[in-house]
Amino acid sequence: MTAFLAAALAALAAAPLLFGGLGATPFDDPGEGMHAEIARELAASGDPFTLTLNGIRYVDKPPLLYVLTALGFATAGPSEAVARAV
């Protein structure tokens, strides 16, 4: 129990440092924006098995990252901070 409490306290102390400035800057790397757009299109379509990028099927990567990011977009809205937090 003590180890769990110490780990939870460490996570709470680290969270502001890790997530504080995630949305402060726009996407810079082309891949970062591409992955966010795929997740945005996934959230808009509602089909968790069809990944698209600008309407064209995207099959280069497994869908877990995009599904989690789409869930984040559905929960907190599409933003750079949500895409980077996932």
N, C-alpha and C. Protein backbone atom coordinates (compact mmCIF):
# COMPACT_ATOMS: atom_id res chain seq x y z
N MET A 1 0.82 -1.19 0.00
CA MET A 1 0.00 0.00 0.00
C MET A 1 0.87 1.27 0.00
N THR A 2 1.94 1.24 0.75
CA THR A 2 2.82 2.39 0.81
C THR A 2 3.50 2.65 -0.53
N ALA A 3 3.89 1.58 -1.22
CA ALA A 3 4.52 1.74 -2.53
C ALA A 3 3.53 2.33 -3.53
N PHE A 4 2.28 1.88 -3.48
CA PHE A 4 1.25 2.42 -4.38
C PHE A 4 1.02 3.89 -4.10
N LEU A 5 0.96 4.28 -2.84
CA LEU A 5 0.75 5.67 -2.47
C LEU A 5 1.92 6.54 -2.94
N ALA A 6 3.13 6.03 -2.79
CA ALA A 6 4.31 6.77 -3.25
C ALA A 6 4.31 6.93 -4.77
N ALA A 7 3.90 5.88 -5.49
CA ALA A 7 3.84 5.96 -6.95
C ALA A 7 2.76 6.94 -7.39
N ALA A 8 1.63 6.92 -6.73
CA ALA A 8 0.54 7.85 -7.08
C ALA A 8 0.96 9.29 -6.80
N LEU A 9 1.64 9.52 -5.71
CA LEU A 9 2.12 10.87 -5.38
C LEU A 9 3.16 11.34 -6.39
N ALA A 10 4.05 10.45 -6.80
CA ALA A 10 5.06 10.80 -7.81
C ALA A 10 4.39 11.13 -9.14
N ALA A 11 3.37 10.35 -9.53
CA ALA A 11 2.65 10.62 -10.78
C ALA A 11 1.93 11.96 -10.72
N LEU A 12 1.32 12.27 -9.59
CA LEU A 12 0.65 13.57 -9.45
C LEU A 12 1.63 14.73 -9.50
N ALA A 13 2.81 14.54 -8.94
CA ALA A 13 3.82 15.60 -8.97
C ALA A 13 4.39 15.79 -10.37
N ALA A 14 4.51 14.71 -11.15
CA ALA A 14 5.10 14.78 -12.48
C ALA A 14 4.11 15.23 -13.55
N ALA A 15 2.82 15.05 -13.34
CA ALA A 15 1.81 15.34 -14.37
C ALA A 15 1.87 16.78 -14.89
N PRO A 16 1.95 17.80 -14.04
CA PRO A 16 2.02 19.17 -14.60
C PRO A 16 3.27 19.41 -15.44
N LEU A 17 4.36 18.78 -15.07
CA LEU A 17 5.59 18.95 -15.83
C LEU A 17 5.52 18.23 -17.18
N LEU A 18 4.84 17.09 -17.23
CA LEU A 18 4.76 16.32 -18.46
C LEU A 18 3.70 16.86 -19.42
N PHE A 19 2.56 17.31 -18.90
CA PHE A 19 1.44 17.69 -19.75
C PHE A 19 1.21 19.19 -19.81
N GLY A 20 2.01 19.98 -19.14
CA GLY A 20 1.79 21.42 -19.05
C GLY A 20 1.76 22.18 -20.35
N GLY A 21 2.70 21.97 -21.24
CA GLY A 21 2.79 22.78 -22.44
C GLY A 21 2.50 22.02 -23.73
N LEU A 22 1.71 20.96 -23.66
CA LEU A 22 1.49 20.13 -24.83
C LEU A 22 0.81 20.86 -25.98
N GLY A 23 -0.12 21.75 -25.71
CA GLY A 23 -0.82 22.44 -26.78
C GLY A 23 -0.31 23.84 -27.04
N ALA A 24 0.81 24.20 -26.47
CA ALA A 24 1.30 25.57 -26.59
C ALA A 24 1.84 25.90 -27.99
N THR A 25 2.35 24.91 -28.70
CA THR A 25 2.88 25.16 -30.03
C THR A 25 2.11 24.33 -31.05
N PRO A 26 1.98 24.83 -32.28
CA PRO A 26 1.29 24.04 -33.31
C PRO A 26 2.15 22.87 -33.76
N PHE A 27 1.53 21.95 -34.52
CA PHE A 27 2.28 20.82 -35.04
C PHE A 27 3.39 21.31 -35.95
N ASP A 28 4.59 20.78 -35.76
CA ASP A 28 5.74 21.18 -36.55
C ASP A 28 6.19 20.05 -37.47
N ASP A 29 6.25 18.86 -36.93
CA ASP A 29 6.67 17.69 -37.69
C ASP A 29 5.51 17.24 -38.59
N PRO A 30 5.73 17.01 -39.88
CA PRO A 30 4.63 16.59 -40.76
C PRO A 30 3.93 15.32 -40.30
N GLY A 31 4.67 14.39 -39.72
CA GLY A 31 4.07 13.15 -39.25
C GLY A 31 3.12 13.36 -38.09
N GLU A 32 3.42 14.32 -37.24
CA GLU A 32 2.57 14.61 -36.09
C GLU A 32 1.20 15.09 -36.53
N GLY A 33 1.16 15.99 -37.47
CA GLY A 33 -0.11 16.48 -37.99
C GLY A 33 -0.86 15.41 -38.77
N MET A 34 -0.12 14.57 -39.49
CA MET A 34 -0.74 13.50 -40.26
C MET A 34 -1.46 12.51 -39.34
N HIS A 35 -0.80 12.12 -38.25
CA HIS A 35 -1.42 11.19 -37.32
C HIS A 35 -2.64 11.81 -36.65
N ALA A 36 -2.58 13.09 -36.33
CA ALA A 36 -3.73 13.76 -35.73
C ALA A 36 -4.89 13.85 -36.72
N GLU A 37 -4.59 14.08 -37.99
CA GLU A 37 -5.65 14.15 -39.01
C GLU A 37 -6.31 12.79 -39.21
N ILE A 38 -5.54 11.72 -39.19
CA ILE A 38 -6.11 10.38 -39.32
C ILE A 38 -7.05 10.12 -38.14
N ALA A 39 -6.63 10.48 -36.94
CA ALA A 39 -7.48 10.29 -35.76
C ALA A 39 -8.72 11.17 -35.83
N ARG A 40 -8.59 12.40 -36.34
CA ARG A 40 -9.75 13.28 -36.46
C ARG A 40 -10.77 12.71 -37.44
N GLU A 41 -10.27 12.18 -38.57
CA GLU A 41 -11.17 11.57 -39.55
C GLU A 41 -11.82 10.31 -38.99
N LEU A 42 -11.07 9.57 -38.17
CA LEU A 42 -11.63 8.38 -37.53
C LEU A 42 -12.74 8.76 -36.56
N ALA A 43 -12.52 9.81 -35.78
CA ALA A 43 -13.56 10.27 -34.84
C ALA A 43 -14.79 10.77 -35.59
N ALA A 44 -14.58 11.43 -36.73
CA ALA A 44 -15.72 11.96 -37.50
C ALA A 44 -16.51 10.84 -38.16
N SER A 45 -15.82 9.78 -38.62
CA SER A 45 -16.52 8.71 -39.32
C SER A 45 -17.23 7.76 -38.37
N GLY A 46 -16.68 7.55 -37.18
CA GLY A 46 -17.28 6.63 -36.22
C GLY A 46 -16.99 5.17 -36.51
N ASP A 47 -16.25 4.86 -37.55
CA ASP A 47 -15.90 3.49 -37.89
C ASP A 47 -14.48 3.21 -37.39
N PRO A 48 -14.32 2.41 -36.34
CA PRO A 48 -12.99 2.22 -35.76
C PRO A 48 -12.07 1.31 -36.57
N PHE A 49 -12.56 0.76 -37.67
CA PHE A 49 -11.74 -0.16 -38.44
C PHE A 49 -11.27 0.40 -39.77
N THR A 50 -11.74 1.57 -40.15
CA THR A 50 -11.36 2.17 -41.42
C THR A 50 -10.59 3.45 -41.17
N LEU A 51 -9.27 3.38 -41.31
CA LEU A 51 -8.43 4.56 -41.15
C LEU A 51 -8.30 5.23 -42.51
N THR A 52 -8.47 6.55 -42.55
CA THR A 52 -8.33 7.29 -43.79
C THR A 52 -7.50 8.54 -43.55
N LEU A 53 -6.82 8.96 -44.60
CA LEU A 53 -6.09 10.22 -44.59
C LEU A 53 -6.52 10.97 -45.84
N ASN A 54 -7.23 12.08 -45.65
CA ASN A 54 -7.81 12.85 -46.75
C ASN A 54 -8.71 11.98 -47.63
N GLY A 55 -9.47 11.08 -46.98
CA GLY A 55 -10.42 10.23 -47.68
C GLY A 55 -9.82 8.99 -48.32
N ILE A 56 -8.52 8.79 -48.23
CA ILE A 56 -7.86 7.62 -48.81
C ILE A 56 -7.48 6.67 -47.68
N ARG A 57 -7.76 5.37 -47.87
CA ARG A 57 -7.45 4.38 -46.82
C ARG A 57 -5.98 4.45 -46.43
N TYR A 58 -5.74 4.36 -45.13
CA TYR A 58 -4.39 4.41 -44.58
C TYR A 58 -4.16 3.10 -43.83
N VAL A 59 -3.25 2.28 -44.32
CA VAL A 59 -3.03 0.96 -43.73
C VAL A 59 -1.58 0.75 -43.30
N ASP A 60 -0.82 1.81 -43.14
CA ASP A 60 0.61 1.67 -42.83
C ASP A 60 0.89 1.35 -41.37
N LYS A 61 -0.02 1.68 -40.47
CA LYS A 61 0.24 1.49 -39.04
C LYS A 61 -0.96 0.83 -38.38
N PRO A 62 -0.74 0.16 -37.24
CA PRO A 62 -1.86 -0.43 -36.50
C PRO A 62 -2.79 0.67 -35.96
N PRO A 63 -4.06 0.36 -35.79
CA PRO A 63 -5.04 1.41 -35.47
C PRO A 63 -5.11 1.84 -34.00
N LEU A 64 -4.40 1.20 -33.07
CA LEU A 64 -4.58 1.53 -31.66
C LEU A 64 -4.29 3.00 -31.34
N LEU A 65 -3.20 3.54 -31.84
CA LEU A 65 -2.88 4.95 -31.60
C LEU A 65 -4.00 5.86 -32.08
N TYR A 66 -4.53 5.58 -33.26
CA TYR A 66 -5.55 6.43 -33.84
C TYR A 66 -6.88 6.30 -33.09
N VAL A 67 -7.21 5.09 -32.64
CA VAL A 67 -8.43 4.90 -31.87
C VAL A 67 -8.35 5.64 -30.54
N LEU A 68 -7.20 5.54 -29.86
CA LEU A 68 -7.04 6.25 -28.58
C LEU A 68 -7.07 7.76 -28.78
N THR A 69 -6.44 8.25 -29.83
CA THR A 69 -6.46 9.68 -30.10
C THR A 69 -7.87 10.14 -30.47
N ALA A 70 -8.59 9.34 -31.24
CA ALA A 70 -9.97 9.68 -31.60
C ALA A 70 -10.86 9.71 -30.36
N LEU A 71 -10.64 8.79 -29.43
CA LEU A 71 -11.39 8.83 -28.17
C LEU A 71 -11.07 10.10 -27.38
N GLY A 72 -9.80 10.49 -27.40
CA GLY A 72 -9.42 11.74 -26.74
C GLY A 72 -10.08 12.94 -27.41
N PHE A 73 -10.14 12.94 -28.74
CA PHE A 73 -10.80 14.03 -29.46
C PHE A 73 -12.29 14.06 -29.13
N ALA A 74 -12.92 12.89 -29.03
CA ALA A 74 -14.35 12.84 -28.71
C ALA A 74 -14.61 13.31 -27.29
N THR A 75 -13.65 13.08 -26.40
CA THR A 75 -13.82 13.47 -25.00
C THR A 75 -13.50 14.94 -24.76
N ALA A 76 -12.35 15.40 -25.25
CA ALA A 76 -11.89 16.74 -24.92
C ALA A 76 -11.86 17.70 -26.10
N GLY A 77 -12.23 17.22 -27.28
CA GLY A 77 -12.20 18.07 -28.46
C GLY A 77 -10.88 17.95 -29.19
N PRO A 78 -10.89 18.15 -30.50
CA PRO A 78 -9.65 18.03 -31.27
C PRO A 78 -8.69 19.20 -31.01
N SER A 79 -7.51 18.87 -30.54
CA SER A 79 -6.51 19.90 -30.28
C SER A 79 -5.12 19.28 -30.30
N GLU A 80 -4.11 20.12 -30.38
CA GLU A 80 -2.74 19.63 -30.35
C GLU A 80 -2.42 18.97 -29.02
N ALA A 81 -2.94 19.52 -27.95
CA ALA A 81 -2.65 18.98 -26.62
C ALA A 81 -3.20 17.57 -26.48
N VAL A 82 -4.41 17.33 -26.94
CA VAL A 82 -4.99 15.99 -26.83
C VAL A 82 -4.22 15.01 -27.70
N ALA A 83 -3.87 15.40 -28.92
CA ALA A 83 -3.13 14.51 -29.81
C ALA A 83 -1.76 14.17 -29.22
N ARG A 84 -1.12 15.11 -28.60
CA ARG A 84 0.20 14.85 -28.03
C ARG A 84 0.11 14.07 -26.72
N ALA A 85 -0.95 14.24 -25.96
CA ALA A 85 -1.08 13.54 -24.68
C ALA A 85 -1.21 12.05 -24.90
N VAL A 86 -1.86 11.66 -25.97
CA VAL A 86 -2.03 10.23 -26.24
C VAL A 86 -0.70 9.66 -26.67
